[in-house]
């Protein structure tokens, strides 16, 4: 018998979020929660900066490749005529 994937994934509501926050406070302590949140925010920011840098480099590579492509076609056409 094959299993059928659910059509939607239920998202946690307010009671579930309160339970998650309560467990986090029990595990990490109330003083460490702000530090944990800050470090997660900084990590997210660094990830987005890295992602933007990679996207910029890829765009530059694409532009360089597109600029060089007509030269290759022109050289090939000239070589075949000779």
N, C-alpha and C. Protein backbone atom coordinates (compact mmCIF):
# COMPACT_ATOMS: atom_id res chain seq x y z
N UNK A 1 0.85 -1.18 0.00
CA UNK A 1 0.00 0.00 0.00
C UNK A 1 0.89 1.24 0.00
N UNK A 2 0.60 2.19 -0.87
CA UNK A 2 1.41 3.40 -0.95
C UNK A 2 0.85 4.47 -0.04
N UNK A 3 1.77 5.26 0.52
CA UNK A 3 1.30 6.35 1.38
C UNK A 3 1.09 7.59 0.53
N UNK A 4 0.13 8.37 0.91
CA UNK A 4 -0.20 9.59 0.18
C UNK A 4 0.34 10.76 0.99
N UNK A 5 1.09 11.63 0.32
CA UNK A 5 1.65 12.80 0.99
C UNK A 5 0.52 13.76 1.35
N UNK A 6 0.63 14.42 2.49
CA UNK A 6 -0.42 15.37 2.86
C UNK A 6 -0.44 16.56 1.90
N UNK A 7 -1.60 17.10 1.67
CA UNK A 7 -1.75 18.23 0.77
C UNK A 7 -1.26 19.52 1.40
N UNK A 8 -1.25 19.60 2.70
CA UNK A 8 -0.78 20.79 3.38
C UNK A 8 -0.03 20.37 4.64
N UNK A 9 0.87 21.24 5.07
CA UNK A 9 1.62 20.98 6.29
C UNK A 9 1.07 21.93 7.35
N UNK A 10 0.55 21.39 8.44
CA UNK A 10 -0.01 22.26 9.47
C UNK A 10 1.08 23.10 10.14
N UNK A 11 0.78 24.36 10.36
CA UNK A 11 1.72 25.25 11.04
C UNK A 11 1.35 25.34 12.51
N UNK A 12 2.34 25.53 13.37
CA UNK A 12 2.04 25.60 14.80
C UNK A 12 1.23 26.86 15.13
N UNK A 13 0.28 26.70 16.00
CA UNK A 13 -0.54 27.82 16.45
C UNK A 13 0.03 28.41 17.72
N UNK A 14 -0.74 29.26 18.36
CA UNK A 14 -0.30 29.95 19.58
C UNK A 14 0.02 28.97 20.71
N UNK A 15 -0.83 27.98 21.00
CA UNK A 15 -0.50 27.07 22.10
C UNK A 15 0.80 26.29 21.86
N UNK A 16 1.01 25.87 20.63
CA UNK A 16 2.22 25.12 20.32
C UNK A 16 3.46 26.01 20.46
N UNK A 17 3.35 27.26 20.00
CA UNK A 17 4.47 28.19 20.12
C UNK A 17 4.80 28.48 21.58
N UNK A 18 3.79 28.61 22.41
CA UNK A 18 4.02 28.83 23.84
C UNK A 18 4.74 27.64 24.47
N UNK A 19 4.38 26.45 24.08
CA UNK A 19 5.06 25.26 24.59
C UNK A 19 6.51 25.24 24.13
N UNK A 20 6.76 25.58 22.88
CA UNK A 20 8.13 25.61 22.36
C UNK A 20 8.96 26.65 23.10
N UNK A 21 8.41 27.83 23.33
CA UNK A 21 9.13 28.87 24.06
C UNK A 21 9.39 28.42 25.50
N UNK A 22 8.42 27.78 26.11
CA UNK A 22 8.61 27.29 27.48
C UNK A 22 9.71 26.25 27.57
N UNK A 23 9.76 25.34 26.63
CA UNK A 23 10.81 24.32 26.62
C UNK A 23 12.16 24.98 26.39
N UNK A 24 12.21 25.97 25.51
CA UNK A 24 13.47 26.67 25.25
C UNK A 24 13.97 27.37 26.50
N UNK A 25 13.08 27.98 27.25
CA UNK A 25 13.47 28.65 28.50
C UNK A 25 13.98 27.63 29.50
N UNK A 26 13.33 26.49 29.58
CA UNK A 26 13.79 25.45 30.50
C UNK A 26 15.16 24.91 30.11
N UNK A 27 15.39 24.72 28.81
CA UNK A 27 16.66 24.16 28.35
C UNK A 27 17.81 25.15 28.44
N UNK A 28 17.61 26.39 28.01
CA UNK A 28 18.69 27.34 27.90
C UNK A 28 18.75 28.34 29.04
N UNK A 29 17.68 28.54 29.75
CA UNK A 29 17.64 29.55 30.80
C UNK A 29 17.23 30.89 30.22
N UNK A 30 16.60 31.69 31.04
CA UNK A 30 16.06 32.97 30.57
C UNK A 30 17.16 33.94 30.17
N UNK A 31 18.34 33.87 30.80
CA UNK A 31 19.41 34.80 30.47
C UNK A 31 20.05 34.49 29.13
N UNK A 32 20.05 33.25 28.70
CA UNK A 32 20.74 32.87 27.47
C UNK A 32 19.87 33.01 26.22
N UNK A 33 18.58 33.14 26.37
CA UNK A 33 17.68 33.25 25.22
C UNK A 33 18.01 34.48 24.36
N UNK A 34 18.19 35.69 24.94
CA UNK A 34 18.53 36.84 24.10
C UNK A 34 19.86 36.67 23.37
N UNK A 35 20.86 36.08 24.03
CA UNK A 35 22.15 35.84 23.39
C UNK A 35 21.99 34.85 22.23
N UNK A 36 21.19 33.82 22.45
CA UNK A 36 20.94 32.83 21.41
C UNK A 36 20.24 33.47 20.21
N UNK A 37 19.24 34.28 20.47
CA UNK A 37 18.51 34.96 19.40
C UNK A 37 19.44 35.92 18.64
N UNK A 38 20.29 36.63 19.37
CA UNK A 38 21.22 37.56 18.74
C UNK A 38 22.20 36.82 17.82
N UNK A 39 22.72 35.70 18.31
CA UNK A 39 23.68 34.96 17.49
C UNK A 39 23.01 34.36 16.26
N UNK A 40 21.76 33.94 16.39
CA UNK A 40 21.03 33.42 15.23
C UNK A 40 20.81 34.54 14.22
N UNK A 41 20.48 35.74 14.70
CA UNK A 41 20.29 36.88 13.81
C UNK A 41 21.57 37.26 13.09
N UNK A 42 22.69 37.26 13.82
CA UNK A 42 23.97 37.58 13.20
C UNK A 42 24.35 36.53 12.16
N UNK A 43 24.11 35.28 12.47
CA UNK A 43 24.41 34.20 11.52
C UNK A 43 23.57 34.34 10.26
N UNK A 44 22.31 34.67 10.43
CA UNK A 44 21.43 34.86 9.28
C UNK A 44 21.91 36.01 8.42
N UNK A 45 22.33 37.10 9.07
CA UNK A 45 22.85 38.26 8.33
C UNK A 45 24.09 37.91 7.54
N UNK A 46 25.02 37.17 8.15
CA UNK A 46 26.24 36.76 7.47
C UNK A 46 25.92 35.84 6.28
N UNK A 47 24.96 34.95 6.48
CA UNK A 47 24.55 34.05 5.40
C UNK A 47 24.00 34.84 4.22
N UNK A 48 23.15 35.84 4.50
CA UNK A 48 22.57 36.63 3.43
C UNK A 48 23.63 37.45 2.71
N UNK A 49 24.63 37.97 3.45
CA UNK A 49 25.73 38.70 2.81
C UNK A 49 26.50 37.77 1.88
N UNK A 50 26.81 36.58 2.34
CA UNK A 50 27.52 35.61 1.51
C UNK A 50 26.72 35.22 0.29
N UNK A 51 25.43 35.04 0.46
CA UNK A 51 24.57 34.68 -0.66
C UNK A 51 24.54 35.81 -1.69
N UNK A 52 24.45 37.05 -1.23
CA UNK A 52 24.44 38.19 -2.15
C UNK A 52 25.76 38.28 -2.90
N UNK A 53 26.87 38.01 -2.21
CA UNK A 53 28.18 38.06 -2.86
C UNK A 53 28.29 37.00 -3.94
N UNK A 54 27.83 35.79 -3.65
CA UNK A 54 27.88 34.71 -4.65
C UNK A 54 26.99 35.05 -5.84
N UNK A 55 25.81 35.59 -5.59
CA UNK A 55 24.91 35.96 -6.68
C UNK A 55 25.53 37.05 -7.54
N UNK A 56 26.22 38.01 -6.91
CA UNK A 56 26.88 39.08 -7.65
C UNK A 56 28.00 38.51 -8.52
N UNK A 57 28.79 37.61 -7.97
CA UNK A 57 29.87 36.99 -8.74
C UNK A 57 29.33 36.18 -9.92
N UNK A 58 28.23 35.47 -9.70
CA UNK A 58 27.61 34.71 -10.79
C UNK A 58 27.10 35.63 -11.89
N UNK A 59 26.51 36.75 -11.49
CA UNK A 59 26.00 37.71 -12.46
C UNK A 59 27.15 38.31 -13.27
N UNK A 60 28.27 38.62 -12.60
CA UNK A 60 29.44 39.13 -13.32
C UNK A 60 29.97 38.08 -14.29
N UNK A 61 29.99 36.83 -13.86
CA UNK A 61 30.46 35.75 -14.73
C UNK A 61 29.56 35.61 -15.95
N UNK A 62 28.25 35.69 -15.73
CA UNK A 62 27.30 35.60 -16.85
C UNK A 62 27.49 36.76 -17.82
N UNK A 63 27.69 37.97 -17.28
CA UNK A 63 27.89 39.13 -18.14
C UNK A 63 29.18 39.00 -18.93
N UNK A 64 30.25 38.51 -18.30
CA UNK A 64 31.51 38.31 -19.00
C UNK A 64 31.35 37.25 -20.09
N UNK A 65 30.64 36.17 -19.77
CA UNK A 65 30.43 35.10 -20.76
C UNK A 65 29.58 35.59 -21.92
N UNK A 66 28.57 36.40 -21.62
CA UNK A 66 27.72 36.92 -22.68
C UNK A 66 28.48 37.91 -23.56
N UNK A 67 29.37 38.68 -22.96
CA UNK A 67 30.16 39.64 -23.72
C UNK A 67 31.18 38.92 -24.61
N UNK A 68 31.69 37.78 -24.14
CA UNK A 68 32.69 37.04 -24.90
C UNK A 68 32.06 36.15 -25.97
N UNK A 69 30.83 35.79 -25.83
CA UNK A 69 30.17 34.88 -26.76
C UNK A 69 30.11 35.42 -28.19
N UNK A 70 29.76 36.68 -28.44
CA UNK A 70 29.75 37.17 -29.82
C UNK A 70 31.14 37.12 -30.45
N UNK A 71 32.20 37.34 -29.69
CA UNK A 71 33.55 37.28 -30.21
C UNK A 71 33.87 35.88 -30.72
N UNK A 72 33.45 34.87 -30.01
CA UNK A 72 33.71 33.49 -30.41
C UNK A 72 32.99 33.19 -31.71
N UNK A 73 31.74 33.63 -31.84
CA UNK A 73 30.98 33.39 -33.07
C UNK A 73 31.63 34.10 -34.25
N UNK A 74 32.10 35.32 -34.05
CA UNK A 74 32.74 36.09 -35.12
C UNK A 74 34.03 35.42 -35.55
N UNK A 75 34.84 34.95 -34.57
CA UNK A 75 36.08 34.28 -34.89
C UNK A 75 35.83 32.98 -35.67
N UNK A 76 34.82 32.24 -35.29
CA UNK A 76 34.50 30.99 -35.95
C UNK A 76 34.06 31.25 -37.39
N UNK A 77 33.24 32.26 -37.60
CA UNK A 77 32.76 32.59 -38.94
C UNK A 77 33.92 33.06 -39.81
N UNK A 78 34.84 33.81 -39.26
CA UNK A 78 36.00 34.29 -40.01
C UNK A 78 36.91 33.14 -40.39
N UNK A 79 37.11 32.19 -39.48
CA UNK A 79 37.99 31.05 -39.74
C UNK A 79 37.42 30.15 -40.84
N UNK A 80 36.12 29.98 -40.88
CA UNK A 80 35.51 29.10 -41.87
C UNK A 80 35.52 29.74 -43.25
N UNK A 81 35.53 31.07 -43.34
CA UNK A 81 35.57 31.76 -44.62
C UNK A 81 36.97 31.72 -45.21
N UNK A 82 37.99 31.63 -44.39
CA UNK A 82 39.38 31.68 -44.86
C UNK A 82 39.80 30.44 -45.58
